[in-house]
Protein backbone atom coordinates (compact mmCIF):
# COMPACT_ATOMS: atom_id res chain seq x y z
CA MET A 1 -68.35 -42.54 -26.41
CA THR A 2 -65.97 -40.41 -28.44
CA GLU A 3 -65.88 -36.78 -29.40
CA PRO A 4 -67.87 -34.74 -29.88
CA TYR A 5 -69.23 -35.33 -26.41
CA LYS A 6 -72.92 -34.53 -26.01
CA GLY A 7 -75.95 -35.57 -23.99
CA ILE A 8 -76.13 -35.58 -20.22
CA LEU A 9 -72.89 -35.30 -18.23
CA PRO A 10 -74.02 -34.93 -14.62
CA ILE A 11 -71.97 -33.77 -11.65
CA ALA A 12 -71.23 -36.48 -9.10
CA PRO A 13 -71.62 -35.60 -5.43
CA THR A 14 -68.81 -36.37 -3.01
CA ILE A 15 -70.01 -38.69 -0.26
CA PHE A 16 -69.04 -38.29 3.38
CA HIS A 17 -69.68 -40.22 6.56
CA GLU A 18 -71.66 -38.44 9.25
CA ASN A 19 -68.38 -37.36 10.88
CA GLY A 20 -67.27 -35.68 7.65
CA ASP A 21 -64.70 -38.28 6.56
CA LEU A 22 -64.71 -39.44 2.96
CA ASP A 23 -66.97 -42.43 2.40
CA ILE A 24 -64.97 -44.46 -0.11
CA GLU A 25 -67.57 -47.17 -0.65
CA GLY A 26 -70.34 -44.59 -0.90
CA ASN A 27 -68.47 -42.75 -3.63
CA LYS A 28 -67.95 -46.00 -5.52
CA ARG A 29 -71.66 -46.79 -5.31
CA VAL A 30 -72.49 -43.37 -6.73
CA MET A 31 -70.31 -44.10 -9.77
CA ASP A 32 -72.14 -47.39 -10.36
CA LEU A 33 -75.53 -45.73 -9.93
CA MET A 34 -74.69 -43.00 -12.41
CA VAL A 35 -73.63 -45.52 -15.04
CA ASP A 36 -76.91 -47.35 -14.46
CA GLN A 37 -78.78 -44.04 -14.85
CA GLY A 38 -77.66 -44.08 -18.47
CA VAL A 39 -75.52 -40.95 -18.29
CA ASP A 40 -73.28 -40.06 -21.21
CA GLY A 41 -70.43 -39.08 -18.92
CA ILE A 42 -69.66 -38.23 -15.30
CA CYS A 43 -68.11 -35.01 -14.03
CA ILE A 44 -66.31 -35.13 -10.69
CA LEU A 45 -64.77 -32.59 -8.30
CA ALA A 46 -66.99 -29.73 -9.45
CA ASN A 47 -68.48 -27.08 -7.17
CA TYR A 48 -71.61 -29.22 -6.80
CA SER A 49 -69.20 -31.95 -5.61
CA GLU A 50 -68.08 -29.72 -2.72
CA GLN A 51 -64.61 -29.55 -4.27
CA PHE A 52 -63.87 -26.42 -2.25
CA LEU A 53 -64.17 -28.46 0.96
CA LEU A 54 -61.65 -31.14 -0.02
CA THR A 55 -57.94 -31.29 0.70
CA ASP A 56 -55.54 -31.83 -2.19
CA GLU A 57 -54.99 -35.40 -0.99
CA GLU A 58 -58.75 -36.02 -0.89
CA ARG A 59 -59.19 -34.58 -4.38
CA ASP A 60 -56.61 -37.00 -5.70
CA GLN A 61 -58.23 -39.88 -3.84
CA VAL A 62 -61.70 -39.08 -5.19
CA MET A 63 -60.34 -38.70 -8.71
CA ARG A 64 -58.55 -42.03 -8.70
CA LEU A 65 -61.30 -44.06 -7.04
CA SER A 66 -63.88 -42.59 -9.42
CA LEU A 67 -61.88 -43.40 -12.54
CA GLU A 68 -61.09 -46.88 -11.28
CA GLN A 69 -64.72 -47.59 -10.41
CA VAL A 70 -66.10 -46.29 -13.71
CA ALA A 71 -63.43 -48.32 -15.51
CA GLY A 72 -64.08 -46.74 -18.90
CA ARG A 73 -67.80 -47.47 -19.00
CA VAL A 74 -68.47 -43.76 -19.66
CA PRO A 75 -66.11 -40.79 -20.04
CA VAL A 76 -65.08 -39.07 -16.81
CA ILE A 77 -64.61 -35.31 -16.72
CA VAL A 78 -62.38 -33.99 -13.93
CA THR A 79 -62.70 -30.42 -12.67
CA THR A 80 -59.24 -28.91 -12.20
CA SER A 81 -59.90 -25.22 -11.59
CA HIS A 82 -57.41 -23.19 -9.56
CA PHE A 83 -56.27 -19.58 -9.49
CA SER A 84 -52.65 -20.69 -9.81
CA THR A 85 -51.75 -21.61 -13.37
CA ARG A 86 -49.02 -23.92 -12.08
CA ILE A 87 -51.45 -25.82 -9.83
CA ALA A 88 -54.20 -25.95 -12.47
CA ALA A 89 -51.71 -27.38 -14.98
CA ALA A 90 -50.45 -29.95 -12.48
CA ARG A 91 -54.01 -31.03 -11.69
CA ALA A 92 -54.74 -31.28 -15.41
CA ARG A 93 -51.69 -33.44 -16.07
CA ALA A 94 -52.57 -35.75 -13.18
CA ALA A 95 -56.17 -36.10 -14.40
CA ALA A 96 -55.11 -36.92 -17.95
CA ASP A 97 -52.53 -39.42 -16.72
CA ALA A 98 -55.19 -41.10 -14.56
CA GLY A 99 -57.54 -41.56 -17.51
CA ALA A 100 -59.81 -38.49 -17.57
CA ARG A 101 -61.33 -37.85 -20.99
CA MET A 102 -62.01 -34.17 -20.49
CA LEU A 103 -61.41 -31.38 -17.97
CA MET A 104 -63.81 -28.77 -16.69
CA MET A 105 -62.41 -25.43 -15.60
CA MET A 106 -63.57 -22.03 -14.43
CA PRO A 107 -61.48 -18.97 -15.28
CA PRO A 108 -58.82 -18.16 -12.68
CA TYR A 109 -60.19 -16.17 -9.75
CA HIS A 110 -59.70 -15.92 -6.00
CA GLY A 111 -62.31 -14.27 -3.85
CA ALA A 112 -64.21 -11.31 -5.24
CA LEU A 113 -61.32 -9.25 -6.53
CA LEU A 114 -58.40 -11.40 -7.71
CA LYS A 115 -58.99 -12.16 -11.39
CA ALA A 116 -56.86 -12.51 -14.48
CA ASP A 117 -57.32 -10.22 -17.45
CA GLU A 118 -58.19 -11.69 -20.84
CA GLN A 119 -54.58 -12.24 -21.89
CA GLY A 120 -53.86 -13.85 -18.54
CA MET A 121 -56.81 -16.20 -19.02
CA ILE A 122 -55.58 -17.17 -22.49
CA GLU A 123 -52.14 -17.96 -21.07
CA HIS A 124 -53.68 -19.86 -18.14
CA PHE A 125 -55.72 -22.14 -20.38
CA GLN A 126 -52.85 -22.59 -22.82
CA ALA A 127 -50.61 -23.82 -20.03
CA VAL A 128 -53.28 -26.26 -18.89
CA ALA A 129 -53.89 -27.49 -22.44
CA ASP A 130 -50.16 -28.02 -22.94
CA ALA A 131 -50.04 -30.03 -19.72
CA CYS A 132 -53.00 -32.36 -20.39
CA GLY A 133 -53.61 -32.73 -24.12
CA ILE A 134 -57.33 -33.50 -23.65
CA PRO A 135 -60.44 -31.39 -24.32
CA ILE A 136 -61.47 -28.70 -21.84
CA ILE A 137 -64.96 -27.46 -21.05
CA LEU A 138 -65.00 -23.82 -19.95
CA GLN A 139 -67.44 -23.17 -17.12
CA ASP A 140 -69.06 -19.76 -17.36
CA ALA A 141 -70.81 -19.32 -14.00
CA PRO A 142 -71.49 -16.39 -11.65
CA LEU A 143 -69.50 -18.00 -8.82
CA SER A 144 -66.22 -16.87 -10.37
CA GLY A 145 -67.29 -13.26 -10.66
CA VAL A 146 -65.48 -13.20 -14.01
CA THR A 147 -67.41 -11.82 -16.97
CA MET A 148 -66.46 -13.64 -20.15
CA THR A 149 -67.91 -12.14 -23.31
CA VAL A 150 -68.81 -14.20 -26.35
CA PRO A 151 -66.00 -12.61 -28.42
CA PHE A 152 -63.49 -13.51 -25.70
CA MET A 153 -64.68 -17.12 -25.49
CA ILE A 154 -64.41 -17.48 -29.26
CA ARG A 155 -60.92 -16.00 -29.12
CA LEU A 156 -60.01 -18.49 -26.40
CA ALA A 157 -61.37 -21.40 -28.43
CA ARG A 158 -59.44 -20.33 -31.52
CA GLU A 159 -56.15 -19.66 -29.72
CA VAL A 160 -56.40 -22.71 -27.43
CA PRO A 161 -58.26 -25.30 -29.55
CA LEU A 162 -58.56 -27.81 -26.71
CA VAL A 163 -61.02 -25.36 -25.12
CA ARG A 164 -63.85 -26.43 -27.37
CA TYR A 165 -66.69 -27.17 -24.95
CA PHE A 166 -68.63 -24.54 -23.02
CA LYS A 167 -70.89 -24.87 -19.99
CA ILE A 168 -72.97 -21.72 -19.81
CA GLU A 169 -74.95 -21.05 -16.62
CA VAL A 170 -75.47 -17.32 -16.36
CA PRO A 171 -78.59 -15.14 -16.53
CA GLY A 172 -79.81 -15.30 -20.11
CA THR A 173 -78.05 -18.61 -20.82
CA ALA A 174 -80.06 -19.32 -23.98
CA ASN A 175 -79.17 -15.98 -25.54
CA LYS A 176 -75.49 -16.44 -24.73
CA LEU A 177 -75.48 -20.00 -26.08
CA ARG A 178 -77.13 -18.85 -29.29
CA ALA A 179 -74.62 -16.04 -29.76
CA LEU A 180 -71.71 -18.35 -28.94
CA ILE A 181 -72.82 -20.96 -31.46
CA GLU A 182 -73.47 -18.41 -34.21
CA ALA A 183 -70.15 -16.61 -33.71
CA GLY A 184 -68.00 -19.63 -32.93
CA GLY A 185 -68.85 -21.98 -35.77
CA ASP A 186 -66.61 -25.04 -35.77
CA ALA A 187 -64.66 -23.74 -32.75
CA VAL A 188 -67.65 -24.50 -30.50
CA VAL A 189 -67.81 -28.29 -30.49
CA GLY A 190 -70.04 -28.72 -27.44
CA PRO A 191 -72.36 -26.03 -26.07
CA PHE A 192 -73.81 -27.17 -22.72
CA ASP A 193 -75.97 -25.68 -20.01
CA GLY A 194 -75.98 -26.38 -16.27
CA GLU A 195 -77.82 -25.09 -13.20
CA GLU A 196 -79.60 -28.40 -12.70
CA ALA A 197 -81.28 -27.91 -16.13
CA ILE A 198 -83.60 -25.20 -14.82
CA THR A 199 -83.53 -23.49 -18.27
CA LEU A 200 -83.08 -26.67 -20.32
CA MET A 201 -85.82 -26.25 -22.94
CA ALA A 202 -84.81 -22.71 -23.83
CA ASP A 203 -81.17 -23.80 -23.97
CA LEU A 204 -81.90 -26.77 -26.24
CA ASP A 205 -83.89 -24.48 -28.50
CA ALA A 206 -80.85 -22.20 -28.61
CA GLY A 207 -78.64 -25.05 -29.81
CA ALA A 208 -77.24 -26.68 -26.68
CA THR A 209 -76.12 -30.23 -27.43
CA GLY A 210 -75.97 -31.32 -23.82
CA THR A 211 -76.52 -30.51 -20.19
CA MET A 212 -74.49 -30.87 -17.01
CA THR A 213 -77.12 -31.43 -14.34
CA SER A 214 -76.81 -32.98 -10.91
CA ALA A 215 -76.92 -36.76 -10.52
CA MET A 216 -80.36 -36.68 -8.91
CA ILE A 217 -82.60 -37.50 -11.90
CA PRO A 218 -80.47 -37.81 -15.08
CA ASP A 219 -82.44 -40.89 -16.09
CA LEU A 220 -85.53 -38.66 -16.34
CA ILE A 221 -83.76 -35.76 -18.05
CA LYS A 222 -81.98 -37.77 -20.76
CA PRO A 223 -85.26 -38.60 -22.60
CA ILE A 224 -85.89 -34.86 -22.92
CA LEU A 225 -82.61 -34.47 -24.79
CA ALA A 226 -83.37 -37.48 -26.97
CA ALA A 227 -86.83 -36.24 -27.92
CA HIS A 228 -85.56 -32.74 -28.70
CA ALA A 229 -82.67 -34.08 -30.79
CA ALA A 230 -85.14 -36.24 -32.75
CA GLY A 231 -87.16 -33.14 -33.60
CA ASP A 232 -90.07 -33.96 -31.29
CA ARG A 233 -90.15 -30.70 -29.35
CA LYS A 234 -93.71 -31.31 -28.14
CA GLN A 235 -92.69 -34.56 -26.44
CA ALA A 236 -89.54 -32.96 -25.03
CA ALA A 237 -91.61 -30.12 -23.55
CA ALA A 238 -94.10 -32.56 -22.01
CA LEU A 239 -91.31 -34.59 -20.40
CA TYR A 240 -89.65 -31.41 -19.15
CA ALA A 241 -92.89 -30.12 -17.64
CA ARG A 242 -93.13 -33.33 -15.62
CA VAL A 243 -89.71 -32.93 -13.98
CA LEU A 244 -89.53 -29.13 -13.76
CA PRO A 245 -91.07 -28.92 -10.25
CA ILE A 246 -88.30 -31.02 -8.72
CA ILE A 247 -85.61 -29.26 -10.77
CA ASN A 248 -86.91 -25.93 -9.51
CA TYR A 249 -87.02 -27.25 -5.93
CA GLU A 250 -83.47 -28.54 -6.20
CA ASN A 251 -82.13 -25.35 -7.70
CA ARG A 252 -83.97 -22.88 -5.49
CA GLN A 253 -84.41 -24.71 -2.18
CA CYS A 254 -81.72 -27.37 -1.83
CA GLY A 255 -78.66 -26.72 -3.92
CA LEU A 256 -75.95 -29.37 -3.79
CA ARG A 257 -77.65 -31.18 -0.90
CA ALA A 258 -80.50 -32.48 -3.06
CA THR A 259 -78.73 -35.30 -4.85
CA LYS A 260 -77.32 -36.82 -1.70
CA THR A 261 -80.68 -36.55 0.05
CA VAL A 262 -82.43 -38.54 -2.69
CA MET A 263 -79.59 -41.05 -2.87
CA LYS A 264 -79.72 -41.66 0.86
CA GLU A 265 -83.48 -42.14 0.71
CA GLY A 266 -82.93 -44.65 -2.09
CA GLY A 267 -80.36 -46.67 -0.19
CA VAL A 268 -77.50 -45.70 -2.49
CA ILE A 269 -75.49 -44.10 0.33
CA ARG A 270 -75.67 -44.21 4.09
CA SER A 271 -75.21 -40.52 4.80
CA ASP A 272 -76.18 -37.33 2.98
CA ALA A 273 -73.82 -35.26 5.14
CA VAL A 274 -72.29 -32.07 3.77
CA ARG A 275 -69.16 -30.55 5.21
CA HIS A 276 -69.26 -27.56 7.52
CA PRO A 277 -69.76 -24.63 7.10
CA LEU A 278 -72.48 -26.02 4.82
CA THR A 279 -75.49 -27.13 6.82
CA PRO A 280 -78.00 -29.98 6.30
CA LEU A 281 -81.37 -29.46 4.71
CA HIS A 282 -84.15 -28.40 7.05
CA PRO A 283 -86.36 -31.46 7.74
CA LYS A 284 -89.34 -29.78 6.08
CA THR A 285 -87.29 -28.95 2.99
CA ARG A 286 -86.07 -32.53 2.85
CA GLU A 287 -89.65 -33.75 3.17
CA GLY A 288 -90.73 -31.59 0.26
CA LEU A 289 -87.91 -32.88 -1.94
CA ILE A 290 -88.63 -36.53 -1.21
CA GLU A 291 -92.33 -35.99 -1.84
CA LEU A 292 -91.58 -34.66 -5.31
CA ALA A 293 -89.08 -37.44 -5.97
CA ARG A 294 -91.54 -40.17 -5.04
CA GLU A 295 -94.00 -38.87 -7.61
CA LEU A 296 -91.32 -39.34 -10.30
CA ASP A 297 -89.67 -42.56 -9.03
CA PRO A 298 -86.15 -41.86 -10.35
CA LEU A 299 -83.57 -44.64 -10.25
CA ALA A 300 -81.67 -42.93 -7.41
CA LEU A 301 -84.73 -43.39 -5.18
CA ARG A 302 -84.79 -47.17 -5.56
CA TRP A 303 -81.37 -48.31 -6.79
CA GLY A 304 -80.12 -49.33 -3.35
CA LYS A 305 -83.27 -51.05 -2.14
């Protein structure tokens, strides 16, 4: 797959043993599963991947084992966000050297109050672009606490042309996507949504050319994109209505734990552990998730059996 990248580019979970150590073989199996799910690309080391709970050494290990296991079968996107421009640029260079096809980055922030101004963000992304030479997808999400207006994002895309993909996951995503596409023209190569696809139909109607969901049910979400792209909105809506209950349950009840829970149930991985201070799903919440998953029979629920 070559540019422009589009379709479904899910976020891979990071797999741990019950004691919290990295599960190398489990992470490799997730890469193979995701390729078999028919994804158009795989994003690693994102927030949904618990990147904020990994050491720098572990980040590098996960990046390299993922790229080696995927072995070019689909593009791999590496998340390289950091408040420090120097560190973000070093991460970007390492990812590009290892074979990443694209980076994902949030704007620089630290905690609730340390944020760069618009000129600082332009300089931050320029330094990263100079270091890596590969496309960058800008993640616009509430977690950063940074408000990025459509005019600023267009300015960023025009001044730093490698920033040409945008993952929008804020309140009113469809409206922001529509405004971004209309104002950005050729500078916006790939408008994506996220948030487990909880607003997917509205976002596709607004012009999104892809989605960055979790790796829980991408095999069931991809046909929605295909139907919509083919102009069959009625079929896309029907397919979306079928999976929306589990998407809602994932987004509102489970968060990043959902994918690993389904993968463990399906024999893909041995443990669905998350790292402290995150806590496991309540047994009843887990039961509700698996009940919904069994009704849909996604590949993750049977791949390892």
